[in-house]
Amino acid sequence: MTTPAIPKVRNLSIDNIKAVLIFLVVFGHLIEIYVGEDHILRSVWIFVYSFHMPMFALMSGMFSKAQWDDKNTTQLISTVLVPLIGFEIIYETTEFLLRGNASVYAGLVAPYWMLWYLLSLLCWRLLLPLFSRMQFGVMLALALSLAASYSEHAGYFLSISRTLIFFPYFLLGWKLGQDVFNAKNNEKLWLSAAVVITAFVGAFLLKSDFDYRWFYGSYSLHRLEMANLTGSMYQLLQYATSTVIGLSVLYLLAQKELRLANIGKRSIYVLVWHGMALIILQETGVLRAIFKYENTIALAISVLLSMLITWVCAHEKAEMLTKRFILNPLNWLLIPQPATIADVAPEAQDKTVHQEH
């Protein structure tokens, strides 16, 4: 007699972390074009960008599998490729209706805005079975990203630069696994808090001419005017600081039940829909109106508005409508559907019946 398999309990602390990270993605995009006008906004934005995308890649790696089978392949198409294709069509159509032409991203042969992450995630998962079998896979991925930073051909094109730049974080997440934040330790707690506070204060102390384009992962060292050994060392320093700050933030978030698990479970819908919300706010002049206020008021409104956008996009109704009208039709189109018994030849049906008896 076989023992029934015990269903795996979903890690709610991981979902809470994903909820906070996706909120930071929305918040960062909402204030992004206005950060050059205000020191407080700029400093907060730099702090957020110092870790949030690296940790998003790391979290994606935690949930990825290094083995390929029919189930994993179908899941990859359904959860990554289908949203990428569907929302690429939606956003490019929106741009055409608003501007009368395709977006600047289409001209660069790149995914639309935030959709770069889905294309990069597709590439990371395809690369994982290969790199997981290497003894120093993370180090090799790091070396490849450093080398690619010298190339002028990477950049935004097909999200190649970001795919390579953030791939080491993805691999590190796969190696760490989903249980890395389970252990409770007071020393780690205080150390993590000290790191986060130091990083936050440090963001305000940076010089006004600090080149925050480093955080995007889409600029070559030539465009950053540091195509030399110093530039590579600076890049390594960025990897180290982003990892330390990011893991410290995640460790602190894992210590409390934030009641945000439902948002974390539906973070993909926030990722793909929040751009539409921001386009609407920008086109209607709402964003410009917000940032005419005094900086602390503008920051407070931005936080509240980002929370609202995150909640709406992660609502179960948004999930249901997205699946019904966008994802399910594309899944039907791209994924072979299982044959029903009516589709099976009569002689095959007879054979199946005999085997069952």
Protein backbone atom coordinates (compact mmCIF):
# COMPACT_ATOMS: atom_id res chain seq x y z
CA MET A 1 0.00 0.00 0.00
CA THR A 2 1.46 3.33 -1.06
CA THR A 3 1.44 6.36 1.19
CA PRO A 4 -0.55 9.22 -0.35
CA ALA A 5 1.55 12.18 -1.38
CA ILE A 6 1.37 15.13 0.97
CA PRO A 7 0.44 18.26 -0.97
CA LYS A 8 3.07 20.96 -0.82
CA VAL A 9 2.00 23.94 1.27
CA ARG A 10 2.42 27.26 -0.50
CA ASN A 11 5.02 29.49 1.16
CA LEU A 12 3.01 32.57 2.12
CA SER A 13 6.07 34.58 3.16
CA ILE A 14 7.38 34.25 -0.40
CA ASP A 15 4.05 35.53 -1.76
CA ASN A 16 4.22 38.46 0.68
CA ILE A 17 7.69 39.32 -0.61
CA LYS A 18 6.52 39.11 -4.22
CA ALA A 19 3.66 41.49 -3.39
CA VAL A 20 6.04 44.11 -1.98
CA LEU A 21 8.43 43.75 -4.92
CA ILE A 22 5.69 44.15 -7.52
CA PHE A 23 4.40 47.21 -5.65
CA LEU A 24 7.90 48.67 -5.87
CA VAL A 25 7.90 47.99 -9.63
CA VAL A 26 4.67 49.99 -9.99
CA PHE A 27 5.91 52.76 -7.70
CA GLY A 28 9.27 52.99 -9.48
CA HIS A 29 7.61 53.28 -12.89
CA LEU A 30 5.08 55.82 -11.63
CA ILE A 31 7.68 58.31 -10.38
CA GLU A 32 10.40 57.43 -12.90
CA ILE A 33 10.06 60.30 -15.37
CA TYR A 34 9.85 62.86 -12.55
CA VAL A 35 12.81 61.80 -10.43
CA GLY A 36 15.17 64.29 -12.02
CA GLU A 37 13.13 67.20 -10.67
CA ASP A 38 13.26 66.46 -6.96
CA HIS A 39 15.99 65.26 -4.60
CA ILE A 40 13.68 63.28 -2.29
CA LEU A 41 11.91 61.45 -5.15
CA ARG A 42 15.23 60.77 -6.82
CA SER A 43 16.82 59.36 -3.66
CA VAL A 44 13.84 57.10 -2.90
CA TRP A 45 13.81 55.92 -6.52
CA ILE A 46 17.56 55.10 -6.40
CA PHE A 47 17.08 53.12 -3.18
CA VAL A 48 14.22 51.10 -4.72
CA TYR A 49 16.08 50.43 -7.97
CA SER A 50 19.22 49.38 -6.13
CA PHE A 51 17.59 46.04 -5.32
CA HIS A 52 14.02 45.54 -6.57
CA MET A 53 14.67 44.17 -10.10
CA PRO A 54 17.66 42.04 -9.03
CA MET A 55 15.49 40.52 -6.29
CA PHE A 56 12.58 40.00 -8.67
CA ALA A 57 14.92 37.97 -10.88
CA LEU A 58 16.22 36.13 -7.81
CA MET A 59 12.67 35.25 -6.71
CA SER A 60 11.87 33.96 -10.21
CA GLY A 61 14.91 31.71 -9.99
CA MET A 62 13.69 30.29 -6.68
CA PHE A 63 10.57 28.93 -8.35
CA SER A 64 12.21 27.63 -11.52
CA LYS A 65 13.04 24.01 -12.29
CA ALA A 66 16.18 22.84 -14.01
CA GLN A 67 14.56 19.77 -15.58
CA TRP A 68 12.55 19.79 -18.77
CA ASP A 69 9.48 17.69 -19.42
CA ASP A 70 6.16 18.19 -21.20
CA LYS A 71 4.54 19.69 -18.10
CA ASN A 72 7.30 22.27 -17.52
CA THR A 73 7.41 23.19 -21.20
CA THR A 74 3.66 23.72 -21.38
CA GLN A 75 3.76 25.75 -18.17
CA LEU A 76 6.52 27.97 -19.59
CA ILE A 77 4.47 28.67 -22.70
CA SER A 78 1.32 29.31 -20.69
CA THR A 79 2.77 31.53 -17.95
CA VAL A 80 5.50 33.41 -19.79
CA LEU A 81 5.28 33.27 -23.59
CA VAL A 82 1.49 33.69 -23.81
CA PRO A 83 1.37 36.84 -21.59
CA LEU A 84 4.37 38.24 -23.49
CA ILE A 85 2.70 37.84 -26.89
CA GLY A 86 -0.76 38.91 -25.71
CA PHE A 87 0.31 42.08 -23.96
CA GLU A 88 2.87 42.99 -26.61
CA ILE A 89 -0.07 43.15 -29.04
CA ILE A 90 -2.19 45.11 -26.54
CA TYR A 91 0.43 47.74 -25.76
CA GLU A 92 1.61 48.21 -29.34
CA THR A 93 -2.01 48.59 -30.44
CA THR A 94 -2.51 51.18 -27.69
CA GLU A 95 0.56 53.10 -28.84
CA PHE A 96 -0.68 53.08 -32.43
CA LEU A 97 -4.09 54.38 -31.41
CA LEU A 98 -2.54 57.14 -29.28
CA ARG A 99 0.39 58.18 -31.50
CA GLY A 100 -0.48 56.89 -34.95
CA ASN A 101 2.66 54.74 -35.09
CA ALA A 102 4.43 51.88 -33.31
CA SER A 103 6.26 52.49 -30.05
CA VAL A 104 9.93 53.33 -29.71
CA TYR A 105 10.43 49.80 -28.37
CA ALA A 106 9.19 48.30 -31.64
CA GLY A 107 11.74 50.45 -33.46
CA LEU A 108 14.46 49.00 -31.22
CA VAL A 109 13.13 45.44 -31.79
CA ALA A 110 12.58 45.16 -28.05
CA PRO A 111 9.68 44.10 -25.82
CA TYR A 112 7.36 46.92 -24.82
CA TRP A 113 8.50 48.66 -21.60
CA MET A 114 7.94 46.33 -18.64
CA LEU A 115 7.44 43.29 -20.88
CA TRP A 116 11.22 42.93 -21.20
CA TYR A 117 11.04 40.93 -17.99
CA LEU A 118 8.89 38.21 -19.56
CA LEU A 119 11.26 37.78 -22.51
CA SER A 120 14.26 37.68 -20.18
CA LEU A 121 12.46 35.20 -17.90
CA LEU A 122 11.79 32.98 -20.92
CA CYS A 123 15.50 33.03 -21.78
CA TRP A 124 16.58 32.40 -18.17
CA ARG A 125 14.38 29.34 -17.87
CA LEU A 126 15.63 27.99 -21.16
CA LEU A 127 19.22 28.50 -20.01
CA LEU A 128 18.74 27.08 -16.52
CA PRO A 129 19.02 23.36 -17.41
CA LEU A 130 22.39 24.10 -19.00
CA PHE A 131 23.85 26.32 -16.28
CA SER A 132 22.48 24.19 -13.44
CA ARG A 133 24.79 21.38 -14.52
CA MET A 134 27.90 23.56 -14.33
CA GLN A 135 30.05 23.66 -11.23
CA PHE A 136 30.40 27.46 -11.33
CA GLY A 137 27.29 28.45 -13.25
CA VAL A 138 26.70 31.70 -11.36
CA MET A 139 30.30 32.80 -11.88
CA LEU A 140 30.10 32.04 -15.60
CA ALA A 141 26.85 33.99 -15.88
CA LEU A 142 28.54 36.88 -14.08
CA ALA A 143 31.52 36.75 -16.45
CA LEU A 144 29.20 36.74 -19.48
CA SER A 145 27.34 39.79 -18.19
CA LEU A 146 30.59 41.68 -17.62
CA ALA A 147 31.82 40.85 -21.12
CA ALA A 148 28.49 41.73 -22.75
CA SER A 149 28.56 45.15 -21.09
CA TYR A 150 31.30 46.16 -23.52
CA SER A 151 29.17 45.36 -26.56
CA GLU A 152 27.22 48.07 -28.36
CA HIS A 153 25.03 45.39 -29.94
CA ALA A 154 23.30 44.33 -26.72
CA GLY A 155 21.30 47.23 -25.28
CA TYR A 156 17.53 47.13 -25.68
CA PHE A 157 17.56 44.80 -28.71
CA LEU A 158 15.48 41.73 -27.75
CA SER A 159 16.27 42.58 -24.12
CA ILE A 160 19.68 40.90 -24.54
CA SER A 161 21.53 43.23 -22.19
CA ARG A 162 19.04 42.92 -19.33
CA THR A 163 18.80 39.17 -19.85
CA LEU A 164 22.54 38.81 -19.32
CA ILE A 165 22.86 41.47 -16.60
CA PHE A 166 20.12 39.99 -14.35
CA PHE A 167 20.79 36.32 -15.15
CA PRO A 168 23.29 35.89 -12.24
CA TYR A 169 20.57 36.92 -9.77
CA PHE A 170 18.17 34.40 -11.31
CA LEU A 171 20.73 31.60 -11.00
CA LEU A 172 21.54 32.63 -7.43
CA GLY A 173 17.85 32.43 -6.56
CA TRP A 174 17.64 28.91 -8.01
CA LYS A 175 20.64 27.83 -5.93
CA LEU A 176 19.30 29.38 -2.72
CA GLY A 177 15.88 27.74 -3.06
CA GLN A 178 12.52 28.70 -1.57
CA ASP A 179 13.41 27.95 2.07
CA VAL A 180 16.34 30.35 2.37
CA PHE A 181 14.39 32.85 4.53
CA ASN A 182 12.75 30.31 6.82
CA ALA A 183 15.44 30.26 9.51
CA LYS A 184 14.92 32.91 12.19
CA ASN A 185 18.00 34.54 13.63
CA ASN A 186 18.16 37.72 15.72
CA GLU A 187 21.69 38.55 14.58
CA LYS A 188 20.65 38.31 10.92
CA LEU A 189 17.60 40.41 11.69
CA TRP A 190 19.60 43.26 13.20
CA LEU A 191 22.28 43.03 10.52
CA SER A 192 19.67 43.13 7.76
CA ALA A 193 17.99 46.14 9.35
CA ALA A 194 21.34 47.95 9.59
CA VAL A 195 22.10 47.23 5.92
CA VAL A 196 18.71 48.51 4.74
CA ILE A 197 18.87 51.68 6.85
CA THR A 198 22.41 52.39 5.66
CA ALA A 199 21.41 51.88 2.03
CA PHE A 200 18.39 54.16 2.38
CA VAL A 201 20.42 56.94 4.00
CA GLY A 202 23.20 56.41 1.46
CA ALA A 203 20.79 56.99 -1.43
CA PHE A 204 20.12 60.49 -0.07
CA LEU A 205 23.84 61.20 0.27
CA LEU A 206 24.71 60.39 -3.34
CA LYS A 207 25.89 63.29 -5.46
CA SER A 208 23.32 64.88 -7.74
CA ASP A 209 25.31 63.83 -10.81
CA PHE A 210 25.18 60.11 -9.91
CA ASP A 211 24.40 58.21 -13.11
CA TYR A 212 21.39 56.06 -12.16
CA ARG A 213 21.29 54.51 -15.67
CA TRP A 214 23.46 51.76 -14.16
CA PHE A 215 20.34 50.32 -12.55
CA TYR A 216 18.51 49.76 -15.84
CA GLY A 217 20.83 47.02 -17.09
CA SER A 218 20.28 48.16 -20.68
CA TYR A 219 23.22 50.52 -21.21
CA SER A 220 26.64 49.39 -22.39
CA LEU A 221 29.78 50.57 -20.63
CA HIS A 222 30.52 52.65 -23.73
CA ARG A 223 27.26 54.57 -23.33
CA LEU A 224 27.99 54.96 -19.62
CA GLU A 225 31.44 56.27 -20.61
CA MET A 226 33.23 53.66 -18.49
CA ALA A 227 34.32 51.03 -21.02
CA ASN A 228 37.42 50.09 -19.04
CA LEU A 229 38.54 48.03 -16.05
CA THR A 230 37.16 50.68 -13.69
CA GLY A 231 33.74 50.25 -15.28
CA SER A 232 33.86 46.49 -14.78
CA MET A 233 34.92 46.89 -11.15
CA TYR A 234 32.06 49.35 -10.66
CA GLN A 235 29.70 46.78 -12.14
CA LEU A 236 30.97 44.09 -9.75
CA LEU A 237 30.46 46.50 -6.87
CA GLN A 238 26.90 47.05 -8.03
CA TYR A 239 26.27 43.28 -8.10
CA ALA A 240 27.61 42.97 -4.56
CA THR A 241 25.67 45.90 -3.11
CA SER A 242 22.40 44.98 -4.87
CA THR A 243 22.67 41.41 -3.57
CA VAL A 244 23.44 42.42 0.01
CA ILE A 245 20.77 45.13 0.15
CA GLY A 246 18.21 42.96 -1.63
CA LEU A 247 18.67 39.86 0.51
CA SER A 248 18.52 42.04 3.62
CA VAL A 249 15.21 43.54 2.49
CA LEU A 250 13.78 40.11 1.66
CA TYR A 251 14.89 38.67 5.00
CA LEU A 252 13.15 41.49 6.89
CA LEU A 253 9.97 41.06 4.83
CA ALA A 254 9.93 37.31 5.51
CA GLN A 255 9.74 37.85 9.27
CA LYS A 256 6.20 39.21 9.32
CA GLU A 257 2.84 38.07 7.99
CA LEU A 258 1.94 41.04 5.81
CA ARG A 259 -1.42 39.66 4.61
CA LEU A 260 -0.41 40.36 1.03
CA ALA A 261 -0.18 36.77 -0.19
CA ASN A 262 -3.11 37.12 -2.61
CA ILE A 263 -1.35 40.00 -4.35
CA GLY A 264 1.90 38.03 -4.49
CA LYS A 265 0.15 35.04 -6.08
CA ARG A 266 -1.21 37.30 -8.83
CA SER A 267 1.88 39.48 -9.31
CA ILE A 268 2.02 38.57 -13.01
CA TYR A 269 -1.23 40.49 -13.58
CA VAL A 270 0.19 43.56 -11.86
CA LEU A 271 3.29 43.32 -14.04
CA VAL A 272 1.38 43.21 -17.32
CA TRP A 273 -1.46 45.63 -16.49
CA HIS A 274 0.14 48.42 -14.46
CA GLY A 275 1.67 49.93 -17.59
CA MET A 276 -1.82 50.52 -18.97
CA ALA A 277 -2.83 52.27 -15.75
CA LEU A 278 0.23 54.53 -15.97
CA ILE A 279 -0.41 55.31 -19.64
CA ILE A 280 -3.95 56.40 -18.76
CA LEU A 281 -2.72 58.55 -15.86
CA GLN A 282 -0.06 60.14 -18.05
CA GLU A 283 -2.34 60.81 -21.02
CA THR A 284 -5.04 62.35 -18.82
CA GLY A 285 -2.54 64.65 -17.10
CA VAL A 286 -3.05 63.13 -13.64
CA LEU A 287 0.64 62.33 -13.16
CA ARG A 288 1.74 65.83 -14.13
CA ALA A 289 -0.76 67.25 -11.66
CA ILE A 290 0.53 65.04 -8.85
CA PHE A 291 4.13 66.12 -9.26
CA LYS A 292 3.25 69.82 -9.15
CA TYR A 293 2.65 69.38 -5.43
CA GLU A 294 5.35 69.82 -2.80
CA ASN A 295 7.74 66.84 -2.81
CA THR A 296 6.54 65.04 0.34
CA ILE A 297 2.89 65.38 -0.73
CA ALA A 298 3.72 64.13 -4.23
CA LEU A 299 5.60 61.19 -2.71
CA ALA A 300 2.69 60.29 -0.42
CA ILE A 301 0.18 60.46 -3.29
CA SER A 302 2.50 58.34 -5.45
CA VAL A 303 2.72 55.65 -2.78
CA LEU A 304 -1.07 55.55 -2.28
CA LEU A 305 -1.75 55.53 -6.03
CA SER A 306 0.79 52.73 -6.56
CA MET A 307 -0.91 50.71 -3.83
CA LEU A 308 -4.28 51.22 -5.51
CA ILE A 309 -2.96 50.20 -8.94
CA THR A 310 -1.31 47.12 -7.44
CA TRP A 311 -4.51 46.10 -5.64
CA VAL A 312 -6.74 46.58 -8.68
CA CYS A 313 -4.42 44.73 -11.06
CA ALA A 314 -4.05 41.84 -8.59
CA HIS A 315 -7.78 41.55 -7.92
CA GLU A 316 -9.36 38.19 -8.64
CA LYS A 317 -11.71 39.87 -11.14
CA ALA A 318 -8.70 41.18 -13.08
CA GLU A 319 -7.25 37.68 -13.08
CA MET A 320 -10.51 36.15 -14.28
CA LEU A 321 -11.04 38.67 -17.09
CA THR A 322 -7.41 38.47 -18.23
CA LYS A 323 -7.56 34.69 -18.43
CA ARG A 324 -10.94 34.60 -20.18
CA PHE A 325 -10.31 37.20 -22.88
CA ILE A 326 -6.52 37.15 -23.38
CA LEU A 327 -4.61 34.23 -21.92
CA ASN A 328 -7.02 31.33 -22.50
CA PRO A 329 -7.58 32.09 -26.22
CA LEU A 330 -3.82 32.35 -26.78
CA ASN A 331 -3.22 29.17 -24.77
CA TRP A 332 -5.71 27.39 -27.01
CA LEU A 333 -3.91 28.75 -30.06
CA LEU A 334 -0.34 27.93 -28.98
CA ILE A 335 -0.66 24.79 -26.86
CA PRO A 336 -1.87 21.48 -28.40
CA GLN A 337 -5.11 20.48 -26.73
CA PRO A 338 -5.46 16.96 -25.29
CA ALA A 339 -7.46 14.66 -27.51
CA THR A 340 -10.89 13.62 -26.28
CA ILE A 341 -12.08 10.01 -26.51
CA ALA A 342 -14.29 11.02 -29.46
CA ASP A 343 -11.16 12.00 -31.39
CA VAL A 344 -9.53 8.60 -30.91
CA ALA A 345 -9.90 6.00 -33.66
CA PRO A 346 -12.42 3.20 -32.84
CA GLU A 347 -9.74 0.48 -32.85
CA ALA A 348 -7.66 2.52 -30.42
CA GLN A 349 -10.70 2.95 -28.15
CA ASP A 350 -11.26 -0.83 -28.14
CA LYS A 351 -7.62 -1.39 -27.21
CA THR A 352 -7.91 1.08 -24.34
CA VAL A 353 -11.06 -0.60 -23.01
CA HIS A 354 -9.41 -4.05 -23.10
CA GLN A 355 -6.37 -2.71 -21.21
CA GLU A 356 -8.59 -1.19 -18.50
CA HIS A 357 -10.36 -4.55 -17.96
